[in-house]
All heavy atoms as atom14 arrays in JSON, in Angstrom:
{
  "sequence": "AALMALLSTVLPIWALAQAIRRMGAGEAAAIGSLGPVLTVAAAWWLL",
  "atom14_mask": [
    [1, 1, 1, 1, 1, 0, 0, 0, 0, 0, 0, 0, 0, 0],
    [1, 1, 1, 1, 1, 0, 0, 0, 0, 0, 0, 0, 0, 0],
    [1, 1, 1, 1, 1, 1, 1, 1, 0, 0, 0, 0, 0, 0],
    [1, 1, 1, 1, 1, 1, 1, 1, 0, 0, 0, 0, 0, 0],
    [1, 1, 1, 1, 1, 0, 0, 0, 0, 0, 0, 0, 0, 0],
    [1, 1, 1, 1, 1, 1, 1, 1, 0, 0, 0, 0, 0, 0],
    [1, 1, 1, 1, 1, 1, 1, 1, 0, 0, 0, 0, 0, 0],
    [1, 1, 1, 1, 1, 1, 0, 0, 0, 0, 0, 0, 0, 0],
    [1, 1, 1, 1, 1, 1, 1, 0, 0, 0, 0, 0, 0, 0],
    [1, 1, 1, 1, 1, 1, 1, 0, 0, 0, 0, 0, 0, 0],
    [1, 1, 1, 1, 1, 1, 1, 1, 0, 0, 0, 0, 0, 0],
    [1, 1, 1, 1, 1, 1, 1, 0, 0, 0, 0, 0, 0, 0],
    [1, 1, 1, 1, 1, 1, 1, 1, 0, 0, 0, 0, 0, 0],
    [1, 1, 1, 1, 1, 1, 1, 1, 1, 1, 1, 1, 1, 1],
    [1, 1, 1, 1, 1, 0, 0, 0, 0, 0, 0, 0, 0, 0],
    [1, 1, 1, 1, 1, 1, 1, 1, 0, 0, 0, 0, 0, 0],
    [1, 1, 1, 1, 1, 0, 0, 0, 0, 0, 0, 0, 0, 0],
    [1, 1, 1, 1, 1, 1, 1, 1, 1, 0, 0, 0, 0, 0],
    [1, 1, 1, 1, 1, 0, 0, 0, 0, 0, 0, 0, 0, 0],
    [1, 1, 1, 1, 1, 1, 1, 1, 0, 0, 0, 0, 0, 0],
    [1, 1, 1, 1, 1, 1, 1, 1, 1, 1, 1, 0, 0, 0],
    [1, 1, 1, 1, 1, 1, 1, 1, 1, 1, 1, 0, 0, 0],
    [1, 1, 1, 1, 1, 1, 1, 1, 0, 0, 0, 0, 0, 0],
    [1, 1, 1, 1, 0, 0, 0, 0, 0, 0, 0, 0, 0, 0],
    [1, 1, 1, 1, 1, 0, 0, 0, 0, 0, 0, 0, 0, 0],
    [1, 1, 1, 1, 0, 0, 0, 0, 0, 0, 0, 0, 0, 0],
    [1, 1, 1, 1, 1, 1, 1, 1, 1, 0, 0, 0, 0, 0],
    [1, 1, 1, 1, 1, 0, 0, 0, 0, 0, 0, 0, 0, 0],
    [1, 1, 1, 1, 1, 0, 0, 0, 0, 0, 0, 0, 0, 0],
    [1, 1, 1, 1, 1, 0, 0, 0, 0, 0, 0, 0, 0, 0],
    [1, 1, 1, 1, 1, 1, 1, 1, 0, 0, 0, 0, 0, 0],
    [1, 1, 1, 1, 0, 0, 0, 0, 0, 0, 0, 0, 0, 0],
    [1, 1, 1, 1, 1, 1, 0, 0, 0, 0, 0, 0, 0, 0],
    [1, 1, 1, 1, 1, 1, 1, 1, 0, 0, 0, 0, 0, 0],
    [1, 1, 1, 1, 0, 0, 0, 0, 0, 0, 0, 0, 0, 0],
    [1, 1, 1, 1, 1, 1, 1, 0, 0, 0, 0, 0, 0, 0],
    [1, 1, 1, 1, 1, 1, 1, 0, 0, 0, 0, 0, 0, 0],
    [1, 1, 1, 1, 1, 1, 1, 1, 0, 0, 0, 0, 0, 0],
    [1, 1, 1, 1, 1, 1, 1, 0, 0, 0, 0, 0, 0, 0],
    [1, 1, 1, 1, 1, 1, 1, 0, 0, 0, 0, 0, 0, 0],
    [1, 1, 1, 1, 1, 0, 0, 0, 0, 0, 0, 0, 0, 0],
    [1, 1, 1, 1, 1, 0, 0, 0, 0, 0, 0, 0, 0, 0],
    [1, 1, 1, 1, 1, 0, 0, 0, 0, 0, 0, 0, 0, 0],
    [1, 1, 1, 1, 1, 1, 1, 1, 1, 1, 1, 1, 1, 1],
    [1, 1, 1, 1, 1, 1, 1, 1, 1, 1, 1, 1, 1, 1],
    [1, 1, 1, 1, 1, 1, 1, 1, 0, 0, 0, 0, 0, 0],
    [1, 1, 1, 1, 1, 1, 1, 1, 0, 0, 0, 0, 0, 0]
  ],
  "atom14_positions": [
    [[-11.69, -15.51, -6.31], [-11.05, -16.35, -7.32], [-10.74, -15.55, -8.58], [-9.67, -15.71, -9.19], [-11.95, -17.54, -7.66], [0.0, 0.0, 0.0], [0.0, 0.0, 0.0], [0.0, 0.0, 0.0], [0.0, 0.0, 0.0], [0.0, 0.0, 0.0], [0.0, 0.0, 0.0], [0.0, 0.0, 0.0], [0.0, 0.0, 0.0], [0.0, 0.0, 0.0]],
    [[-11.66, -14.68, -8.98], [-11.45, -13.86, -10.17], [-10.3, -12.88, -9.96], [-9.44, -12.69, -10.84], [-12.73, -13.1, -10.53], [0.0, 0.0, 0.0], [0.0, 0.0, 0.0], [0.0, 0.0, 0.0], [0.0, 0.0, 0.0], [0.0, 0.0, 0.0], [0.0, 0.0, 0.0], [0.0, 0.0, 0.0], [0.0, 0.0, 0.0], [0.0, 0.0, 0.0]],
    [[-10.25, -12.26, -8.78], [-9.16, -11.34, -8.47], [-7.82, -12.08, -8.42], [-6.79, -11.57, -8.87], [-9.42, -10.64, -7.13], [-10.57, -9.63, -7.12], [-10.83, -9.13, -5.71], [-10.27, -8.46, -8.05], [0.0, 0.0, 0.0], [0.0, 0.0, 0.0], [0.0, 0.0, 0.0], [0.0, 0.0, 0.0], [0.0, 0.0, 0.0], [0.0, 0.0, 0.0]],
    [[-7.86, -13.3, -7.89], [-6.65, -14.11, -7.84], [-6.16, -14.45, -9.24], [-4.96, -14.39, -9.54], [-6.94, -15.4, -7.06], [-5.7, -16.16, -6.6], [-6.13, -17.82, -5.99], [-7.65, -17.51, -5.1], [0.0, 0.0, 0.0], [0.0, 0.0, 0.0], [0.0, 0.0, 0.0], [0.0, 0.0, 0.0], [0.0, 0.0, 0.0], [0.0, 0.0, 0.0]],
    [[-7.08, -14.8, -10.12], [-6.72, -15.16, -11.49], [-6.18, -13.96, -12.26], [-5.19, -14.07, -12.99], [-7.92, -15.75, -12.22], [0.0, 0.0, 0.0], [0.0, 0.0, 0.0], [0.0, 0.0, 0.0], [0.0, 0.0, 0.0], [0.0, 0.0, 0.0], [0.0, 0.0, 0.0], [0.0, 0.0, 0.0], [0.0, 0.0, 0.0], [0.0, 0.0, 0.0]],
    [[-6.82, -12.81, -12.07], [-6.45, -11.62, -12.85], [-5.28, -10.86, -12.22], [-4.29, -10.55, -12.89], [-7.65, -10.7, -13.0], [-8.86, -11.3, -13.74], [-10.03, -10.33, -13.72], [-8.47, -11.66, -15.18], [0.0, 0.0, 0.0], [0.0, 0.0, 0.0], [0.0, 0.0, 0.0], [0.0, 0.0, 0.0], [0.0, 0.0, 0.0], [0.0, 0.0, 0.0]],
    [[-5.38, -10.56, -10.92], [-4.37, -9.72, -10.27], [-3.15, -10.49, -9.77], [-2.07, -9.91, -9.65], [-5.0, -8.97, -9.09], [-6.14, -8.01, -9.43], [-6.59, -7.27, -8.17], [-5.72, -7.02, -10.5], [0.0, 0.0, 0.0], [0.0, 0.0, 0.0], [0.0, 0.0, 0.0], [0.0, 0.0, 0.0], [0.0, 0.0, 0.0], [0.0, 0.0, 0.0]],
    [[-3.33, -11.79, -9.48], [-2.22, -12.58, -8.93], [-1.71, -13.66, -9.88], [-0.85, -14.45, -9.5], [-2.65, -13.22, -7.61], [-2.93, -12.24, -6.65], [0.0, 0.0, 0.0], [0.0, 0.0, 0.0], [0.0, 0.0, 0.0], [0.0, 0.0, 0.0], [0.0, 0.0, 0.0], [0.0, 0.0, 0.0], [0.0, 0.0, 0.0], [0.0, 0.0, 0.0]],
    [[-2.26, -13.72, -11.08], [-1.78, -14.69, -12.07], [-1.52, -14.0, -13.41], [-0.37, -13.89, -13.83], [-2.81, -15.82, -12.27], [-3.14, -16.4, -11.0], [-2.24, -16.92, -13.16], [0.0, 0.0, 0.0], [0.0, 0.0, 0.0], [0.0, 0.0, 0.0], [0.0, 0.0, 0.0], [0.0, 0.0, 0.0], [0.0, 0.0, 0.0], [0.0, 0.0, 0.0]],
    [[-2.57, -13.5, -14.04], [-2.44, -12.92, -15.38], [-1.6, -11.65, -15.37], [-0.61, -11.53, -16.09], [-3.84, -12.62, -15.95], [-3.74, -11.85, -17.25], [-4.62, -13.92, -16.15], [0.0, 0.0, 0.0], [0.0, 0.0, 0.0], [0.0, 0.0, 0.0], [0.0, 0.0, 0.0], [0.0, 0.0, 0.0], [0.0, 0.0, 0.0], [0.0, 0.0, 0.0]],
    [[-1.98, -10.68, -14.53], [-1.29, -9.39, -14.51], [0.18, -9.51, -14.12], [1.04, -8.97, -14.82], [-2.01, -8.43, -13.57], [-1.36, -7.04, -13.42], [-1.34, -6.31, -14.76], [-2.09, -6.21, -12.37], [0.0, 0.0, 0.0], [0.0, 0.0, 0.0], [0.0, 0.0, 0.0], [0.0, 0.0, 0.0], [0.0, 0.0, 0.0], [0.0, 0.0, 0.0]],
    [[0.55, -10.21, -13.03], [1.97, -10.28, -12.69], [2.82, -11.05, -13.69], [3.98, -10.73, -13.88], [1.98, -10.95, -11.31], [0.66, -11.6, -11.17], [-0.3, -10.8, -11.98], [0.0, 0.0, 0.0], [0.0, 0.0, 0.0], [0.0, 0.0, 0.0], [0.0, 0.0, 0.0], [0.0, 0.0, 0.0], [0.0, 0.0, 0.0], [0.0, 0.0, 0.0]],
    [[2.25, -12.07, -14.33], [3.0, -12.79, -15.37], [3.35, -11.84, -16.52], [4.49, -11.79, -16.99], [2.2, -14.0, -15.88], [2.24, -15.13, -14.84], [2.76, -14.51, -17.21], [1.39, -16.31, -15.22], [0.0, 0.0, 0.0], [0.0, 0.0, 0.0], [0.0, 0.0, 0.0], [0.0, 0.0, 0.0], [0.0, 0.0, 0.0], [0.0, 0.0, 0.0]],
    [[2.35, -11.08, -16.95], [2.59, -10.11, -18.02], [3.56, -9.02, -17.58], [4.49, -8.65, -18.31], [1.26, -9.49, -18.45], [1.41, -8.39, -19.45], [1.6, -8.51, -20.8], [1.41, -6.98, -19.17], [1.71, -7.27, -21.38], [1.61, -6.31, -20.41], [1.26, -6.23, -18.02], [1.65, -4.92, -20.5], [1.31, -4.85, -18.11], [1.5, -4.21, -19.34]],
    [[3.37, -8.49, -16.37], [4.22, -7.41, -15.87], [5.67, -7.87, -15.71], [6.61, -7.13, -16.04], [3.69, -6.87, -14.55], [0.0, 0.0, 0.0], [0.0, 0.0, 0.0], [0.0, 0.0, 0.0], [0.0, 0.0, 0.0], [0.0, 0.0, 0.0], [0.0, 0.0, 0.0], [0.0, 0.0, 0.0], [0.0, 0.0, 0.0], [0.0, 0.0, 0.0]],
    [[5.86, -9.09, -15.22], [7.23, -9.59, -15.05], [7.91, -9.78, -16.39], [9.11, -9.5, -16.54], [7.21, -10.9, -14.27], [8.58, -11.48, -13.9], [9.41, -10.48, -13.12], [8.42, -12.78, -13.11], [0.0, 0.0, 0.0], [0.0, 0.0, 0.0], [0.0, 0.0, 0.0], [0.0, 0.0, 0.0], [0.0, 0.0, 0.0], [0.0, 0.0, 0.0]],
    [[7.17, -10.23, -17.39], [7.73, -10.37, -18.73], [8.18, -9.0, -19.26], [9.24, -8.87, -19.88], [6.72, -11.0, -19.67], [0.0, 0.0, 0.0], [0.0, 0.0, 0.0], [0.0, 0.0, 0.0], [0.0, 0.0, 0.0], [0.0, 0.0, 0.0], [0.0, 0.0, 0.0], [0.0, 0.0, 0.0], [0.0, 0.0, 0.0], [0.0, 0.0, 0.0]],
    [[7.36, -7.97, -19.02], [7.73, -6.62, -19.46], [8.96, -6.12, -18.71], [9.83, -5.46, -19.29], [6.55, -5.65, -19.22], [5.29, -6.0, -19.98], [5.52, -6.08, -21.48], [6.14, -5.22, -22.08], [5.0, -7.15, -22.08], [0.0, 0.0, 0.0], [0.0, 0.0, 0.0], [0.0, 0.0, 0.0], [0.0, 0.0, 0.0], [0.0, 0.0, 0.0]],
    [[9.04, -6.43, -17.42], [10.2, -6.01, -16.63], [11.47, -6.69, -17.12], [12.53, -6.05, -17.26], [9.96, -6.33, -15.16], [0.0, 0.0, 0.0], [0.0, 0.0, 0.0], [0.0, 0.0, 0.0], [0.0, 0.0, 0.0], [0.0, 0.0, 0.0], [0.0, 0.0, 0.0], [0.0, 0.0, 0.0], [0.0, 0.0, 0.0], [0.0, 0.0, 0.0]],
    [[11.39, -7.99, -17.39], [12.56, -8.72, -17.86], [13.02, -8.19, -19.21], [14.22, -8.05, -19.48], [12.25, -10.24, -17.94], [12.1, -10.81, -16.53], [13.34, -10.98, -18.7], [11.6, -12.23, -16.5], [0.0, 0.0, 0.0], [0.0, 0.0, 0.0], [0.0, 0.0, 0.0], [0.0, 0.0, 0.0], [0.0, 0.0, 0.0], [0.0, 0.0, 0.0]],
    [[12.07, -7.86, -20.09], [12.41, -7.35, -21.41], [13.14, -6.01, -21.31], [14.01, -5.71, -22.12], [11.14, -7.21, -22.25], [11.39, -6.84, -23.71], [10.14, -7.07, -24.54], [9.06, -6.2, -24.15], [8.88, -4.97, -24.65], [9.75, -4.49, -25.52], [7.87, -4.23, -24.28], [0.0, 0.0, 0.0], [0.0, 0.0, 0.0], [0.0, 0.0, 0.0]],
    [[12.8, -5.21, -20.3], [13.36, -3.87, -20.19], [14.65, -3.81, -19.37], [15.52, -2.98, -19.64], [12.32, -2.91, -19.57], [11.19, -2.55, -20.5], [10.04, -1.9, -19.76], [9.04, -1.32, -20.67], [8.13, -2.01, -21.31], [8.08, -3.34, -21.15], [7.27, -1.42, -22.12], [0.0, 0.0, 0.0], [0.0, 0.0, 0.0], [0.0, 0.0, 0.0]],
    [[14.79, -4.68, -18.36], [15.92, -4.53, -17.46], [16.68, -5.82, -17.2], [17.68, -5.82, -16.48], [15.44, -3.94, -16.12], [14.41, -4.79, -15.42], [13.59, -3.93, -14.03], [14.98, -3.52, -13.0], [0.0, 0.0, 0.0], [0.0, 0.0, 0.0], [0.0, 0.0, 0.0], [0.0, 0.0, 0.0], [0.0, 0.0, 0.0], [0.0, 0.0, 0.0]],
    [[16.24, -6.94, -17.78], [16.95, -8.2, -17.59], [16.39, -9.0, -16.43], [15.77, -8.46, -15.51], [0.0, 0.0, 0.0], [0.0, 0.0, 0.0], [0.0, 0.0, 0.0], [0.0, 0.0, 0.0], [0.0, 0.0, 0.0], [0.0, 0.0, 0.0], [0.0, 0.0, 0.0], [0.0, 0.0, 0.0], [0.0, 0.0, 0.0], [0.0, 0.0, 0.0]],
    [[16.63, -10.33, -16.47], [16.05, -11.23, -15.47], [16.64, -11.0, -14.08], [15.95, -11.11, -13.07], [16.27, -12.68, -15.89], [0.0, 0.0, 0.0], [0.0, 0.0, 0.0], [0.0, 0.0, 0.0], [0.0, 0.0, 0.0], [0.0, 0.0, 0.0], [0.0, 0.0, 0.0], [0.0, 0.0, 0.0], [0.0, 0.0, 0.0], [0.0, 0.0, 0.0]],
    [[17.95, -10.68, -14.01], [18.6, -10.52, -12.72], [18.03, -9.38, -11.91], [17.67, -9.54, -10.74], [0.0, 0.0, 0.0], [0.0, 0.0, 0.0], [0.0, 0.0, 0.0], [0.0, 0.0, 0.0], [0.0, 0.0, 0.0], [0.0, 0.0, 0.0], [0.0, 0.0, 0.0], [0.0, 0.0, 0.0], [0.0, 0.0, 0.0], [0.0, 0.0, 0.0]],
    [[17.92, -8.2, -12.52], [17.39, -7.03, -11.81], [15.91, -7.2, -11.49], [15.44, -6.79, -10.43], [17.61, -5.77, -12.63], [19.05, -5.33, -12.74], [19.18, -3.97, -13.43], [18.61, -3.0, -12.93], [19.85, -3.92, -14.47], [0.0, 0.0, 0.0], [0.0, 0.0, 0.0], [0.0, 0.0, 0.0], [0.0, 0.0, 0.0], [0.0, 0.0, 0.0]],
    [[15.17, -7.81, -12.4], [13.74, -8.04, -12.15], [13.57, -8.99, -10.96], [12.69, -8.79, -10.12], [13.07, -8.61, -13.39], [0.0, 0.0, 0.0], [0.0, 0.0, 0.0], [0.0, 0.0, 0.0], [0.0, 0.0, 0.0], [0.0, 0.0, 0.0], [0.0, 0.0, 0.0], [0.0, 0.0, 0.0], [0.0, 0.0, 0.0], [0.0, 0.0, 0.0]],
    [[14.42, -10.02, -10.89], [14.34, -10.96, -9.78], [14.69, -10.29, -8.46], [14.11, -10.6, -7.41], [15.27, -12.14, -10.03], [0.0, 0.0, 0.0], [0.0, 0.0, 0.0], [0.0, 0.0, 0.0], [0.0, 0.0, 0.0], [0.0, 0.0, 0.0], [0.0, 0.0, 0.0], [0.0, 0.0, 0.0], [0.0, 0.0, 0.0], [0.0, 0.0, 0.0]],
    [[15.66, -9.36, -8.5], [16.04, -8.65, -7.27], [14.87, -7.85, -6.72], [14.62, -7.84, -5.51], [17.23, -7.73, -7.56], [0.0, 0.0, 0.0], [0.0, 0.0, 0.0], [0.0, 0.0, 0.0], [0.0, 0.0, 0.0], [0.0, 0.0, 0.0], [0.0, 0.0, 0.0], [0.0, 0.0, 0.0], [0.0, 0.0, 0.0], [0.0, 0.0, 0.0]],
    [[14.15, -7.17, -7.59], [12.98, -6.4, -7.15], [11.87, -7.36, -6.69], [11.13, -7.06, -5.75], [12.49, -5.47, -8.26], [13.55, -4.41, -8.57], [11.17, -4.8, -7.89], [13.21, -3.49, -9.71], [0.0, 0.0, 0.0], [0.0, 0.0, 0.0], [0.0, 0.0, 0.0], [0.0, 0.0, 0.0], [0.0, 0.0, 0.0], [0.0, 0.0, 0.0]],
    [[11.79, -8.51, -7.34], [10.79, -9.51, -6.94], [10.98, -10.03, -5.53], [10.06, -10.61, -4.95], [0.0, 0.0, 0.0], [0.0, 0.0, 0.0], [0.0, 0.0, 0.0], [0.0, 0.0, 0.0], [0.0, 0.0, 0.0], [0.0, 0.0, 0.0], [0.0, 0.0, 0.0], [0.0, 0.0, 0.0], [0.0, 0.0, 0.0], [0.0, 0.0, 0.0]],
    [[12.18, -9.81, -4.95], [12.43, -10.25, -3.58], [11.6, -9.47, -2.56], [11.55, -9.83, -1.38], [13.92, -10.11, -3.24], [14.32, -8.75, -3.26], [0.0, 0.0, 0.0], [0.0, 0.0, 0.0], [0.0, 0.0, 0.0], [0.0, 0.0, 0.0], [0.0, 0.0, 0.0], [0.0, 0.0, 0.0], [0.0, 0.0, 0.0], [0.0, 0.0, 0.0]],
    [[10.93, -8.41, -3.02], [10.01, -7.67, -2.15], [8.77, -8.48, -1.81], [8.03, -8.12, -0.89], [9.57, -6.37, -2.83], [10.6, -5.28, -3.03], [10.03, -4.18, -3.92], [11.04, -4.7, -1.69], [0.0, 0.0, 0.0], [0.0, 0.0, 0.0], [0.0, 0.0, 0.0], [0.0, 0.0, 0.0], [0.0, 0.0, 0.0], [0.0, 0.0, 0.0]],
    [[8.54, -9.57, -2.53], [7.31, -10.35, -2.39], [6.94, -10.72, -0.96], [5.81, -10.43, -0.51], [0.0, 0.0, 0.0], [0.0, 0.0, 0.0], [0.0, 0.0, 0.0], [0.0, 0.0, 0.0], [0.0, 0.0, 0.0], [0.0, 0.0, 0.0], [0.0, 0.0, 0.0], [0.0, 0.0, 0.0], [0.0, 0.0, 0.0], [0.0, 0.0, 0.0]],
    [[7.84, -11.36, -0.19], [7.49, -11.74, 1.19], [7.12, -10.55, 2.06], [6.21, -10.63, 2.89], [8.76, -12.44, 1.69], [9.44, -12.93, 0.47], [9.15, -11.91, -0.59], [0.0, 0.0, 0.0], [0.0, 0.0, 0.0], [0.0, 0.0, 0.0], [0.0, 0.0, 0.0], [0.0, 0.0, 0.0], [0.0, 0.0, 0.0], [0.0, 0.0, 0.0]],
    [[7.84, -9.44, 1.89], [7.54, -8.24, 2.67], [6.13, -7.75, 2.36], [5.35, -7.4, 3.26], [8.57, -7.12, 2.4], [8.21, -5.87, 3.16], [9.97, -7.6, 2.76], [0.0, 0.0, 0.0], [0.0, 0.0, 0.0], [0.0, 0.0, 0.0], [0.0, 0.0, 0.0], [0.0, 0.0, 0.0], [0.0, 0.0, 0.0], [0.0, 0.0, 0.0]],
    [[5.78, -7.71, 1.06], [4.46, -7.26, 0.65], [3.37, -8.18, 1.16], [2.29, -7.73, 1.58], [4.4, -7.15, -0.87], [5.32, -6.1, -1.5], [5.31, -6.23, -3.03], [4.89, -4.69, -1.09], [0.0, 0.0, 0.0], [0.0, 0.0, 0.0], [0.0, 0.0, 0.0], [0.0, 0.0, 0.0], [0.0, 0.0, 0.0], [0.0, 0.0, 0.0]],
    [[3.63, -9.51, 1.15], [2.63, -10.46, 1.64], [2.39, -10.28, 3.13], [1.25, -10.27, 3.6], [3.08, -11.9, 1.36], [3.21, -12.09, -0.05], [2.06, -12.9, 1.89], [0.0, 0.0, 0.0], [0.0, 0.0, 0.0], [0.0, 0.0, 0.0], [0.0, 0.0, 0.0], [0.0, 0.0, 0.0], [0.0, 0.0, 0.0], [0.0, 0.0, 0.0]],
    [[3.49, -10.16, 3.89], [3.35, -9.97, 5.34], [2.58, -8.69, 5.65], [1.7, -8.66, 6.52], [4.74, -9.95, 6.01], [4.63, -9.49, 7.46], [5.38, -11.33, 5.96], [0.0, 0.0, 0.0], [0.0, 0.0, 0.0], [0.0, 0.0, 0.0], [0.0, 0.0, 0.0], [0.0, 0.0, 0.0], [0.0, 0.0, 0.0], [0.0, 0.0, 0.0]],
    [[2.9, -7.61, 4.92], [2.21, -6.33, 5.15], [0.73, -6.43, 4.78], [-0.15, -5.94, 5.51], [2.89, -5.23, 4.33], [0.0, 0.0, 0.0], [0.0, 0.0, 0.0], [0.0, 0.0, 0.0], [0.0, 0.0, 0.0], [0.0, 0.0, 0.0], [0.0, 0.0, 0.0], [0.0, 0.0, 0.0], [0.0, 0.0, 0.0], [0.0, 0.0, 0.0]],
    [[0.44, -7.08, 3.64], [-0.96, -7.23, 3.2], [-1.75, -8.12, 4.15], [-2.93, -7.87, 4.42], [-1.0, -7.78, 1.78], [0.0, 0.0, 0.0], [0.0, 0.0, 0.0], [0.0, 0.0, 0.0], [0.0, 0.0, 0.0], [0.0, 0.0, 0.0], [0.0, 0.0, 0.0], [0.0, 0.0, 0.0], [0.0, 0.0, 0.0], [0.0, 0.0, 0.0]],
    [[-1.09, -9.18, 4.67], [-1.77, -10.08, 5.61], [-2.1, -9.35, 6.91], [-3.15, -9.58, 7.52], [-0.89, -11.29, 5.9], [0.0, 0.0, 0.0], [0.0, 0.0, 0.0], [0.0, 0.0, 0.0], [0.0, 0.0, 0.0], [0.0, 0.0, 0.0], [0.0, 0.0, 0.0], [0.0, 0.0, 0.0], [0.0, 0.0, 0.0], [0.0, 0.0, 0.0]],
    [[-1.2, -8.47, 7.35], [-1.46, -7.67, 8.56], [-2.61, -6.69, 8.33], [-3.49, -6.53, 9.18], [-0.18, -6.93, 8.94], [-0.39, -5.86, 9.98], [-0.6, -6.05, 11.32], [-0.44, -4.45, 9.74], [-0.76, -4.83, 11.94], [-0.67, -3.83, 11.01], [-0.29, -3.64, 8.6], [-0.77, -2.45, 11.14], [-0.39, -2.27, 8.74], [-0.62, -1.69, 10.0]],
    [[-2.63, -6.07, 7.16], [-3.62, -5.03, 6.87], [-4.99, -5.6, 6.53], [-6.02, -5.17, 7.06], [-3.1, -4.15, 5.73], [-3.99, -2.99, 5.4], [-4.73, -2.24, 6.27], [-4.26, -2.46, 4.09], [-5.42, -1.26, 5.59], [-5.15, -1.36, 4.25], [-3.81, -2.77, 2.82], [-5.62, -0.62, 3.17], [-4.27, -2.01, 1.75], [-5.15, -0.96, 1.92]],
    [[-5.02, -6.61, 5.64], [-6.29, -7.12, 5.12], [-6.85, -8.31, 5.91], [-8.07, -8.5, 5.96], [-6.13, -7.53, 3.65], [-5.75, -6.4, 2.69], [-5.45, -6.95, 1.31], [-6.87, -5.36, 2.62], [0.0, 0.0, 0.0], [0.0, 0.0, 0.0], [0.0, 0.0, 0.0], [0.0, 0.0, 0.0], [0.0, 0.0, 0.0], [0.0, 0.0, 0.0]],
    [[-5.97, -9.12, 6.49], [-6.43, -10.32, 7.19], [-6.36, -10.18, 8.71], [-6.88, -11.05, 9.42], [-5.59, -11.54, 6.76], [-5.6, -11.89, 5.27], [-4.68, -13.08, 5.02], [-7.01, -12.2, 4.79], [0.0, 0.0, 0.0], [0.0, 0.0, 0.0], [0.0, 0.0, 0.0], [0.0, 0.0, 0.0], [0.0, 0.0, 0.0], [0.0, 0.0, 0.0]]
  ]
}
């Protein structure tokens, strides 16, 4: 739960805000499309 709160809530919210500030919402959203691929890979590796 702590890792979920820090690594999957607090950290990505802050990091995405920094990304949007530097490169705009459109480009940040495009890179964010990696999410499903990363989840599938992590589920295969860790679960």
